[in-house]
């Protein structure tokens, strides 16, 4: 027996419900973006503190001839309330260095930010350059952080990132950013 076709009234109700759901989804998205516009800069300041503390811990742990150097922009030092300022920091130990910055993303109605880093490790001609990106997605349970190095997802938590960046500079090994690097072992088979 053929299935009963919906009436015009049923179709109108389905369309109205669909429109209402889309409007609610758009409203939820904008609320999430507004919350992220506060969360990402705050995460940047936490990351800067973790990196600064990691450098202090390494340099203070034992007498060393080549200490790690840490510098930050005045906007980071003063926690400038104008988020369009220069929010950046640099960690280096020759020949390794990384610059971490808070970037404003244009093109959306709500102000949005990402954390970006670029750096290099190794002695010429064996220099490895890398880029990091940290951004967030707002979920009902809070922020879901996405982190990647050269478009390869990091398998660490956002709370581990500061210490891992310092480890990369100290050792000259980009693989310190992962527990298991994406090009090693079992991860290739997944």
N, C-alpha and C. Protein backbone atom coordinates (compact mmCIF):
# COMPACT_ATOMS: atom_id res chain seq x y z
N UNK A 1 0.84 -1.18 0.00
CA UNK A 1 0.00 0.00 0.00
C UNK A 1 0.89 1.24 0.00
N UNK A 2 0.60 2.19 -0.90
CA UNK A 2 1.43 3.38 -1.00
C UNK A 2 1.38 4.22 0.29
N UNK A 3 2.51 4.88 0.55
CA UNK A 3 2.63 5.70 1.75
C UNK A 3 1.83 6.99 1.55
N UNK A 4 1.20 7.45 2.64
CA UNK A 4 0.39 8.67 2.57
C UNK A 4 1.29 9.89 2.41
N UNK A 5 1.00 10.69 1.43
CA UNK A 5 1.76 11.91 1.17
C UNK A 5 1.36 12.99 2.18
N UNK A 6 2.35 13.81 2.60
CA UNK A 6 2.01 14.89 3.53
C UNK A 6 1.12 15.93 2.84
N UNK A 7 0.29 16.54 3.64
CA UNK A 7 -0.58 17.60 3.11
C UNK A 7 0.21 18.90 3.01
N UNK A 8 -0.39 19.88 2.36
CA UNK A 8 0.25 21.19 2.26
C UNK A 8 0.45 21.80 3.64
N UNK A 9 -0.49 21.59 4.53
CA UNK A 9 -0.38 22.11 5.90
C UNK A 9 0.79 21.45 6.62
N UNK A 10 0.94 20.12 6.42
CA UNK A 10 2.07 19.41 7.04
C UNK A 10 3.39 19.96 6.52
N UNK A 11 3.48 20.18 5.21
CA UNK A 11 4.70 20.72 4.62
C UNK A 11 5.01 22.12 5.15
N UNK A 12 3.98 22.95 5.32
CA UNK A 12 4.17 24.30 5.85
C UNK A 12 4.69 24.25 7.28
N UNK A 13 4.15 23.33 8.11
CA UNK A 13 4.61 23.19 9.49
C UNK A 13 6.05 22.70 9.55
N UNK A 14 6.39 21.74 8.67
CA UNK A 14 7.76 21.23 8.62
C UNK A 14 8.74 22.35 8.24
N UNK A 15 8.35 23.16 7.26
CA UNK A 15 9.22 24.26 6.84
C UNK A 15 9.38 25.29 7.95
N UNK A 16 8.27 25.61 8.64
CA UNK A 16 8.33 26.58 9.74
C UNK A 16 9.21 26.05 10.87
N UNK A 17 9.10 24.76 11.19
CA UNK A 17 9.94 24.16 12.24
C UNK A 17 11.41 24.18 11.83
N UNK A 18 11.67 23.88 10.58
CA UNK A 18 13.03 23.89 10.08
C UNK A 18 13.63 25.29 10.16
N UNK A 19 12.86 26.30 9.80
CA UNK A 19 13.31 27.68 9.87
C UNK A 19 13.59 28.07 11.32
N UNK A 20 12.72 27.66 12.24
CA UNK A 20 12.90 27.97 13.65
C UNK A 20 14.19 27.32 14.18
N UNK A 21 14.45 26.07 13.77
CA UNK A 21 15.66 25.37 14.21
C UNK A 21 16.91 26.06 13.66
N UNK A 22 16.85 26.50 12.40
CA UNK A 22 17.99 27.20 11.81
C UNK A 22 18.26 28.51 12.53
N UNK A 23 17.22 29.24 12.86
CA UNK A 23 17.38 30.51 13.58
C UNK A 23 17.97 30.27 14.97
N UNK A 24 17.52 29.21 15.64
CA UNK A 24 18.05 28.89 16.96
C UNK A 24 19.52 28.48 16.85
N UNK A 25 19.85 27.70 15.83
CA UNK A 25 21.24 27.28 15.62
C UNK A 25 22.13 28.50 15.35
N UNK A 26 21.64 29.44 14.56
CA UNK A 26 22.39 30.66 14.27
C UNK A 26 22.60 31.48 15.55
N UNK A 27 21.56 31.58 16.37
CA UNK A 27 21.64 32.31 17.64
C UNK A 27 22.64 31.62 18.58
N UNK A 28 22.57 30.29 18.68
CA UNK A 28 23.51 29.53 19.53
C UNK A 28 24.94 29.71 19.05
N UNK A 29 25.14 29.70 17.74
CA UNK A 29 26.47 29.89 17.17
C UNK A 29 27.03 31.26 17.55
N UNK A 30 26.23 32.30 17.41
CA UNK A 30 26.70 33.65 17.72
C UNK A 30 26.99 33.79 19.22
N UNK A 31 26.18 33.17 20.07
CA UNK A 31 26.46 33.19 21.51
C UNK A 31 27.79 32.47 21.79
N UNK A 32 28.01 31.35 21.12
CA UNK A 32 29.27 30.62 21.28
C UNK A 32 30.46 31.44 20.82
N UNK A 33 30.31 32.14 19.70
CA UNK A 33 31.40 32.99 19.20
C UNK A 33 31.71 34.11 20.19
N UNK A 34 30.67 34.66 20.80
CA UNK A 34 30.87 35.72 21.80
C UNK A 34 31.64 35.17 23.00
N UNK A 35 31.29 33.96 23.44
CA UNK A 35 32.00 33.35 24.56
C UNK A 35 33.44 33.04 24.17
N UNK A 36 33.65 32.56 22.94
CA UNK A 36 35.01 32.27 22.47
C UNK A 36 35.86 33.53 22.37
N UNK A 37 35.24 34.66 22.06
CA UNK A 37 36.01 35.90 21.94
C UNK A 37 36.62 36.31 23.27
N UNK A 38 36.12 35.76 24.37
CA UNK A 38 36.74 35.98 25.68
C UNK A 38 37.65 34.82 26.07
N UNK A 39 37.28 33.61 25.71
CA UNK A 39 38.03 32.41 26.11
C UNK A 39 39.39 32.28 25.41
N UNK A 40 39.47 32.55 24.12
CA UNK A 40 40.73 32.37 23.39
C UNK A 40 41.80 33.35 23.88
N UNK A 41 41.50 34.66 24.04
CA UNK A 41 42.53 35.55 24.60
C UNK A 41 42.96 35.12 26.01
N UNK A 42 42.02 34.68 26.81
CA UNK A 42 42.37 34.22 28.17
C UNK A 42 43.29 33.00 28.09
N UNK A 43 43.02 32.08 27.16
CA UNK A 43 43.88 30.90 26.98
C UNK A 43 45.27 31.33 26.54
N UNK A 44 45.36 32.38 25.70
CA UNK A 44 46.67 32.88 25.28
C UNK A 44 47.47 33.36 26.49
N UNK A 45 46.83 34.10 27.39
CA UNK A 45 47.53 34.58 28.58
C UNK A 45 47.96 33.42 29.48
N UNK A 46 47.14 32.39 29.58
CA UNK A 46 47.51 31.19 30.34
C UNK A 46 48.71 30.51 29.68
N UNK A 47 48.69 30.40 28.35
CA UNK A 47 49.80 29.80 27.62
C UNK A 47 51.08 30.60 27.82
N UNK A 48 50.99 31.92 27.76
CA UNK A 48 52.17 32.78 27.98
C UNK A 48 52.73 32.55 29.38
N UNK A 49 51.86 32.45 30.36
CA UNK A 49 52.31 32.19 31.74
C UNK A 49 52.98 30.82 31.84
N UNK A 50 52.40 29.80 31.19
CA UNK A 50 52.99 28.47 31.22
C UNK A 50 54.36 28.45 30.56
N UNK A 51 54.51 29.13 29.44
CA UNK A 51 55.79 29.19 28.75
C UNK A 51 56.82 29.93 29.61
N UNK A 52 56.43 31.08 30.15
CA UNK A 52 57.32 31.88 31.00
C UNK A 52 57.79 31.04 32.20
N UNK A 53 56.86 30.33 32.82
CA UNK A 53 57.18 29.48 33.97
C UNK A 53 58.07 28.31 33.55
N UNK A 54 57.81 27.71 32.38
CA UNK A 54 58.65 26.63 31.88
C UNK A 54 60.08 27.07 31.64
N UNK A 55 60.25 28.25 31.06
CA UNK A 55 61.59 28.79 30.83
C UNK A 55 62.29 29.03 32.17
N UNK A 56 61.57 29.60 33.12
CA UNK A 56 62.15 29.85 34.45
C UNK A 56 62.57 28.54 35.11
N UNK A 57 61.71 27.52 35.02
CA UNK A 57 62.02 26.22 35.62
C UNK A 57 63.26 25.59 34.98
N UNK A 58 63.34 25.63 33.65
CA UNK A 58 64.49 25.04 32.97
C UNK A 58 65.77 25.77 33.34
N UNK A 59 65.75 27.09 33.25
CA UNK A 59 66.95 27.87 33.53
C UNK A 59 67.39 27.76 34.98
N UNK A 60 66.45 27.55 35.90
CA UNK A 60 66.78 27.47 37.32
C UNK A 60 67.08 26.08 37.82
N UNK A 61 66.86 25.06 37.01
CA UNK A 61 67.02 23.67 37.46
C UNK A 61 68.48 23.27 37.66
N UNK A 62 69.39 23.79 36.86
CA UNK A 62 70.80 23.44 36.96
C UNK A 62 71.61 24.53 36.28
N UNK A 63 72.88 24.66 36.66
CA UNK A 63 73.72 25.65 35.95
C UNK A 63 73.89 25.24 34.49
N UNK A 64 73.55 26.13 33.59
CA UNK A 64 73.64 25.83 32.16
C UNK A 64 74.35 26.99 31.45
N UNK A 65 75.05 26.67 30.39
CA UNK A 65 75.79 27.70 29.66
C UNK A 65 74.93 28.40 28.62
N UNK A 66 73.90 27.71 28.13
CA UNK A 66 73.02 28.30 27.11
C UNK A 66 71.59 28.35 27.65
N UNK A 67 71.24 29.38 28.40
CA UNK A 67 69.87 29.43 28.93
C UNK A 67 68.85 29.73 27.83
N UNK A 68 67.63 29.39 28.11
CA UNK A 68 66.53 29.71 27.20
C UNK A 68 66.13 31.16 27.45
N UNK A 69 65.89 31.90 26.40
CA UNK A 69 65.50 33.31 26.52
C UNK A 69 64.01 33.45 26.25
N UNK A 70 63.37 34.29 27.02
CA UNK A 70 61.93 34.54 26.88
C UNK A 70 61.73 36.04 26.80
N UNK A 71 61.01 36.51 25.78
CA UNK A 71 60.63 37.91 25.68
C UNK A 71 59.16 37.98 25.29
N UNK A 72 58.50 39.04 25.74
CA UNK A 72 57.09 39.23 25.39
C UNK A 72 56.84 40.68 25.07
N UNK A 73 55.80 40.91 24.29
CA UNK A 73 55.46 42.28 23.90
C UNK A 73 54.86 43.00 25.10
N UNK A 74 54.90 44.33 25.07
CA UNK A 74 54.30 45.09 26.18
C UNK A 74 52.80 44.78 26.39
N UNK A 75 52.10 44.46 25.30
CA UNK A 75 50.67 44.14 25.44
C UNK A 75 50.46 42.88 26.26
N UNK A 76 51.36 41.91 26.14
CA UNK A 76 51.27 40.69 26.94
C UNK A 76 51.63 41.00 28.39
N UNK A 77 52.68 41.76 28.58
CA UNK A 77 53.14 42.09 29.94
C UNK A 77 52.05 42.82 30.72
N UNK A 78 51.40 43.78 30.07
CA UNK A 78 50.39 44.59 30.76
C UNK A 78 48.98 44.03 30.65
N UNK A 79 48.83 42.93 29.90
CA UNK A 79 47.50 42.36 29.62
C UNK A 79 46.57 43.45 29.09
N UNK A 80 47.02 44.10 28.06
CA UNK A 80 46.30 45.20 27.43
C UNK A 80 44.86 44.81 27.14
N UNK A 81 43.94 45.70 27.44
CA UNK A 81 42.52 45.40 27.21
C UNK A 81 42.12 45.57 25.75
N UNK A 82 42.93 46.27 24.95
CA UNK A 82 42.68 46.41 23.52
C UNK A 82 43.23 45.16 22.83
N UNK A 83 42.37 44.23 22.50
CA UNK A 83 42.80 42.95 21.95
C UNK A 83 43.27 43.04 20.50
N UNK A 84 43.30 44.21 19.92
CA UNK A 84 43.84 44.38 18.58
C UNK A 84 45.31 44.79 18.61
N UNK A 85 45.91 44.78 19.81
CA UNK A 85 47.32 45.13 19.96
C UNK A 85 48.23 43.99 19.54
N UNK A 86 49.52 44.19 19.77
CA UNK A 86 50.53 43.18 19.43
C UNK A 86 50.71 42.24 20.61
N UNK A 87 50.03 41.11 20.58
CA UNK A 87 50.15 40.10 21.62
C UNK A 87 51.04 38.99 21.10
N UNK A 88 52.32 39.05 21.47
CA UNK A 88 53.25 38.03 21.01
C UNK A 88 54.34 37.81 22.05
N UNK A 89 54.93 36.63 21.96
CA UNK A 89 56.05 36.30 22.82
C UNK A 89 57.02 35.46 22.01
N UNK A 90 58.28 35.46 22.44
CA UNK A 90 59.30 34.69 21.74
C UNK A 90 60.10 33.89 22.75
N UNK A 91 60.36 32.64 22.41
CA UNK A 91 61.21 31.77 23.20
C UNK A 91 62.32 31.30 22.28
N UNK A 92 63.57 31.44 22.74
CA UNK A 92 64.67 31.02 21.86
C UNK A 92 65.86 30.54 22.67
N UNK A 93 66.57 29.67 22.03
CA UNK A 93 67.85 29.16 22.49
C UNK A 93 68.57 28.78 21.21
N UNK A 94 69.53 29.60 20.82
CA UNK A 94 70.16 29.43 19.50
C UNK A 94 70.53 27.98 19.26
N UNK A 95 70.18 27.46 18.10
CA UNK A 95 69.57 28.09 16.93
C UNK A 95 68.04 27.97 16.89
N UNK A 96 67.42 27.49 17.96
CA UNK A 96 65.98 27.22 17.96
C UNK A 96 65.21 28.45 18.45
N UNK A 97 64.06 28.67 17.85
CA UNK A 97 63.22 29.79 18.29
C UNK A 97 61.77 29.56 17.88
N UNK A 98 60.85 30.16 18.65
CA UNK A 98 59.43 30.13 18.32
C UNK A 98 58.80 31.46 18.74
N UNK A 99 57.87 31.94 17.95
CA UNK A 99 57.10 33.14 18.25
C UNK A 99 55.64 32.72 18.34
N UNK A 100 54.99 33.07 19.45
CA UNK A 100 53.59 32.73 19.69
C UNK A 100 52.80 34.03 19.73
N UNK A 101 51.67 34.08 19.00
CA UNK A 101 50.89 35.31 18.89
C UNK A 101 49.40 35.04 19.01
N UNK A 102 48.69 36.04 19.48
CA UNK A 102 47.23 36.03 19.48
C UNK A 102 46.80 36.82 18.26
N UNK A 103 46.00 36.20 17.40
CA UNK A 103 45.58 36.85 16.15
C UNK A 103 44.07 37.04 16.13
N UNK A 104 43.68 38.19 15.63
CA UNK A 104 42.26 38.48 15.45
C UNK A 104 41.85 38.01 14.06
N UNK A 105 40.70 37.36 14.00
CA UNK A 105 40.19 36.85 12.72
C UNK A 105 39.07 37.78 12.26
N UNK A 106 39.20 38.31 11.09
CA UNK A 106 38.16 39.17 10.54
C UNK A 106 37.12 38.35 9.80
N UNK A 107 36.07 39.02 9.42
CA UNK A 107 35.09 38.38 8.55
C UNK A 107 33.87 37.80 9.24
N UNK A 108 33.80 37.89 10.56
CA UNK A 108 32.59 37.40 11.21
C UNK A 108 31.98 38.53 12.03
N UNK A 109 30.72 38.37 12.36
CA UNK A 109 30.04 39.42 13.11
C UNK A 109 30.59 39.54 14.52
N UNK A 110 30.87 38.40 15.15
CA UNK A 110 31.48 38.40 16.47
C UNK A 110 33.00 38.41 16.32
N UNK A 111 33.67 39.09 17.23
CA UNK A 111 35.12 39.11 17.20
C UNK A 111 35.64 37.71 17.51
N UNK A 112 36.57 37.21 16.71
CA UNK A 112 37.10 35.87 16.96
C UNK A 112 38.62 35.90 16.90
N UNK A 113 39.23 34.96 17.62
CA UNK A 113 40.68 34.93 17.76
C UNK A 113 41.20 33.51 17.59
N UNK A 114 42.48 33.42 17.21
CA UNK A 114 43.20 32.15 17.23
C UNK A 114 44.59 32.42 17.82
N UNK A 115 45.21 31.36 18.28
CA UNK A 115 46.59 31.45 18.75
C UNK A 115 47.44 30.78 17.68
N UNK A 116 48.44 31.51 17.19
CA UNK A 116 49.33 30.98 16.16
C UNK A 116 50.76 31.05 16.66
N UNK A 117 51.56 30.12 16.18
CA UNK A 117 52.99 30.14 16.48
C UNK A 117 53.75 29.68 15.24
N UNK A 118 54.93 30.20 15.09
CA UNK A 118 55.82 29.72 14.03
C UNK A 118 57.21 29.68 14.61
N UNK A 119 57.99 28.75 14.13
CA UNK A 119 59.34 28.63 14.65
C UNK A 119 60.22 27.79 13.77
N UNK A 120 61.45 27.64 14.24
CA UNK A 120 62.42 26.80 13.53
C UNK A 120 63.34 26.17 14.55
N UNK A 121 63.79 24.96 14.24
CA UNK A 121 64.74 24.24 15.07
C UNK A 121 65.81 23.63 14.17
N UNK A 122 67.01 23.52 14.70
CA UNK A 122 68.08 22.88 13.95
C UNK A 122 69.09 23.89 13.41
N UNK A 123 70.22 23.35 13.01
CA UNK A 123 71.32 24.14 12.47
C UNK A 123 71.31 24.00 10.95
N UNK A 124 71.53 25.11 10.25
CA UNK A 124 71.55 25.09 8.78
C UNK A 124 72.58 24.08 8.31
N UNK A 125 72.36 23.33 7.32
CA UNK A 125 71.22 23.33 6.41
C UNK A 125 70.06 22.43 6.86
N UNK A 126 70.12 21.90 8.07
CA UNK A 126 69.09 20.98 8.56
C UNK A 126 68.09 21.71 9.45
N UNK A 127 67.49 22.77 8.96
CA UNK A 127 66.53 23.57 9.73
C UNK A 127 65.12 23.07 9.43
N UNK A 128 64.39 22.80 10.48
CA UNK A 128 62.98 22.43 10.34
C UNK A 128 62.13 23.61 10.79
N UNK A 129 61.27 24.07 9.90
CA UNK A 129 60.34 25.15 10.23
C UNK A 129 58.98 24.54 10.53
N UNK A 130 58.25 25.17 11.46
CA UNK A 130 56.95 24.64 11.82
C UNK A 130 55.99 25.77 12.16
N UNK A 131 54.71 25.44 12.08
CA UNK A 131 53.63 26.37 12.43
C UNK A 131 52.66 25.65 13.35
N UNK A 132 52.21 26.35 14.37
CA UNK A 132 51.20 25.83 15.30
C UNK A 132 49.95 26.67 15.19
N UNK A 133 48.83 26.04 15.46
CA UNK A 133 47.56 26.77 15.49
C UNK A 133 46.70 26.19 16.59
N UNK A 134 46.12 27.08 17.40
CA UNK A 134 45.20 26.68 18.47
C UNK A 134 43.94 27.51 18.29
N UNK A 135 42.82 26.83 18.15
CA UNK A 135 41.54 27.54 18.11
C UNK A 135 40.52 26.76 18.90
N UNK A 136 39.40 27.38 19.14
CA UNK A 136 38.38 26.76 19.96
C UNK A 136 37.04 26.69 19.26
N UNK A 137 36.26 25.72 19.69
CA UNK A 137 34.88 25.58 19.25
C UNK A 137 34.03 25.56 20.51
N UNK A 138 32.98 26.35 20.53
CA UNK A 138 32.14 26.38 21.71
C UNK A 138 31.10 25.27 21.64
N UNK A 139 31.09 24.45 22.66
CA UNK A 139 30.09 23.39 22.83
C UNK A 139 29.34 23.69 24.11
N UNK A 140 28.21 23.05 24.30
CA UNK A 140 27.43 23.28 25.52
C UNK A 140 28.24 22.97 26.77
N UNK A 141 29.15 22.02 26.68
CA UNK A 141 29.97 21.63 27.83
C UNK A 141 31.16 22.56 28.04
N UNK A 142 31.40 23.49 27.14
CA UNK A 142 32.53 24.41 27.23
C UNK A 142 33.31 24.45 25.94
N UNK A 143 34.56 24.89 26.02
CA UNK A 143 35.39 25.05 24.83
C UNK A 143 36.06 23.73 24.49
N UNK A 144 35.98 23.36 23.23
CA UNK A 144 36.73 22.23 22.69
C UNK A 144 37.91 22.83 21.94
N UNK A 145 39.13 22.56 22.44
CA UNK A 145 40.33 23.14 21.84
C UNK A 145 40.86 22.25 20.74
N UNK A 146 41.16 22.85 19.59
CA UNK A 146 41.79 22.15 18.47
C UNK A 146 43.20 22.70 18.32
N UNK A 147 44.17 21.79 18.29
CA UNK A 147 45.57 22.20 18.17
C UNK A 147 46.22 21.39 17.06
N UNK A 148 47.02 22.05 16.26
CA UNK A 148 47.70 21.37 15.16
C UNK A 148 49.07 22.00 14.93
N UNK A 149 50.00 21.16 14.51
CA UNK A 149 51.32 21.61 14.08
C UNK A 149 51.46 21.19 12.62
N UNK A 150 51.64 22.14 11.76
CA UNK A 150 51.72 21.87 10.32
C UNK A 150 50.54 21.01 9.86
N UNK A 151 49.38 21.35 10.31
CA UNK A 151 48.10 20.71 9.96
C UNK A 151 47.98 19.27 10.46
N UNK A 152 48.85 18.87 11.39
CA UNK A 152 48.76 17.54 12.00
C UNK A 152 48.30 17.74 13.44
N UNK A 153 47.18 17.10 13.81
CA UNK A 153 46.59 17.29 15.13
C UNK A 153 47.55 16.87 16.24
N UNK A 154 47.60 17.68 17.30
CA UNK A 154 48.39 17.33 18.47
C UNK A 154 47.59 16.41 19.37
N UNK A 155 48.24 15.44 19.97
CA UNK A 155 47.55 14.49 20.84
C UNK A 155 47.78 14.79 22.32
N UNK A 156 48.01 16.06 22.64
CA UNK A 156 48.19 16.49 24.02
C UNK A 156 47.04 17.40 24.39
N UNK A 157 46.91 17.72 25.67
CA UNK A 157 45.88 18.66 26.10
C UNK A 157 46.40 20.08 25.95
N UNK A 158 45.50 21.02 25.93
CA UNK A 158 45.88 22.42 25.80
C UNK A 158 46.70 22.87 27.01
N UNK A 159 46.51 22.23 28.16
CA UNK A 159 47.27 22.59 29.35
C UNK A 159 48.73 22.14 29.28
N UNK A 160 49.05 21.19 28.42
CA UNK A 160 50.42 20.71 28.25
C UNK A 160 51.21 21.52 27.22
N UNK A 161 50.54 22.31 26.44
CA UNK A 161 51.17 22.96 25.29
C UNK A 161 52.33 23.88 25.68
N UNK A 162 52.19 24.67 26.71
CA UNK A 162 53.25 25.61 27.10
C UNK A 162 54.55 24.91 27.40
N UNK A 163 54.49 23.86 28.21
CA UNK A 163 55.69 23.11 28.55
C UNK A 163 56.28 22.42 27.32
N UNK A 164 55.42 21.90 26.46
CA UNK A 164 55.90 21.21 25.25
C UNK A 164 56.62 22.18 24.31
N UNK A 165 56.15 23.41 24.21
CA UNK A 165 56.83 24.40 23.37
C UNK A 165 58.24 24.65 23.89
N UNK A 166 58.38 24.79 25.22
CA UNK A 166 59.71 24.99 25.81
C UNK A 166 60.59 23.77 25.54
N UNK A 167 60.02 22.57 25.63
CA UNK A 167 60.79 21.35 25.35
C UNK A 167 61.31 21.34 23.91
N UNK A 168 60.49 21.80 22.96
CA UNK A 168 60.92 21.86 21.56
C UNK A 168 62.14 22.78 21.43
N UNK A 169 62.10 23.92 22.09
CA UNK A 169 63.21 24.88 22.00
C UNK A 169 64.47 24.33 22.67
N UNK A 170 64.31 23.66 23.81
CA UNK A 170 65.46 23.12 24.53
C UNK A 170 66.12 21.98 23.75
N UNK A 171 65.31 21.08 23.21
CA UNK A 171 65.85 19.87 22.57
C UNK A 171 66.06 20.01 21.06
N UNK A 172 65.36 20.94 20.43
CA UNK A 172 65.42 21.06 18.98
C UNK A 172 64.63 19.98 18.26
N UNK A 173 63.70 19.34 18.96
CA UNK A 173 62.91 18.25 18.40
C UNK A 173 61.43 18.64 18.34
N UNK A 174 60.90 18.80 17.14
CA UNK A 174 59.49 19.16 16.97
C UNK A 174 58.59 18.05 17.52
N UNK A 175 59.07 16.82 17.50
CA UNK A 175 58.26 15.69 17.96
C UNK A 175 57.86 15.81 19.42
N UNK A 176 58.49 16.70 20.19
CA UNK A 176 58.12 16.90 21.59
C UNK A 176 56.70 17.45 21.74
N UNK A 177 56.13 17.93 20.64
CA UNK A 177 54.76 18.44 20.69
C UNK A 177 53.72 17.33 20.79
N UNK A 178 54.09 16.11 20.47
CA UNK A 178 53.15 14.99 20.49
C UNK A 178 53.58 13.97 21.53
N UNK A 179 52.64 13.17 22.01
CA UNK A 179 52.99 11.96 22.75
C UNK A 179 53.51 10.94 21.76
N UNK A 180 52.78 10.79 20.65
CA UNK A 180 53.20 9.94 19.53
C UNK A 180 53.01 10.79 18.27
N UNK A 181 54.11 11.09 17.61
CA UNK A 181 54.03 11.92 16.41
C UNK A 181 53.16 11.25 15.36
N UNK A 182 52.43 12.02 14.55
CA UNK A 182 51.48 11.44 13.60
C UNK A 182 52.12 10.59 12.51
N UNK A 183 53.40 10.74 12.26
CA UNK A 183 54.04 9.97 11.21
C UNK A 183 54.80 8.75 11.77
N UNK A 184 54.58 8.43 13.05
CA UNK A 184 55.31 7.34 13.70
C UNK A 184 54.37 6.21 14.09
N UNK A 185 54.77 4.97 13.84
CA UNK A 185 54.14 3.77 14.39
C UNK A 185 52.68 3.59 14.06
N UNK A 186 51.91 3.21 15.08
CA UNK A 186 50.51 2.80 14.93
C UNK A 186 49.61 3.92 14.41
N UNK A 187 49.97 5.17 14.62
CA UNK A 187 49.09 6.25 14.17
C UNK A 187 48.93 6.26 12.65
N UNK A 188 49.91 5.73 11.92
CA UNK A 188 49.82 5.68 10.47
C UNK A 188 48.74 4.70 10.03
N UNK A 189 48.48 3.68 10.82
CA UNK A 189 47.53 2.64 10.45
C UNK A 189 46.09 3.04 10.75
N UNK A 190 45.89 4.08 11.53
CA UNK A 190 44.53 4.47 11.92
C UNK A 190 43.84 5.26 10.85
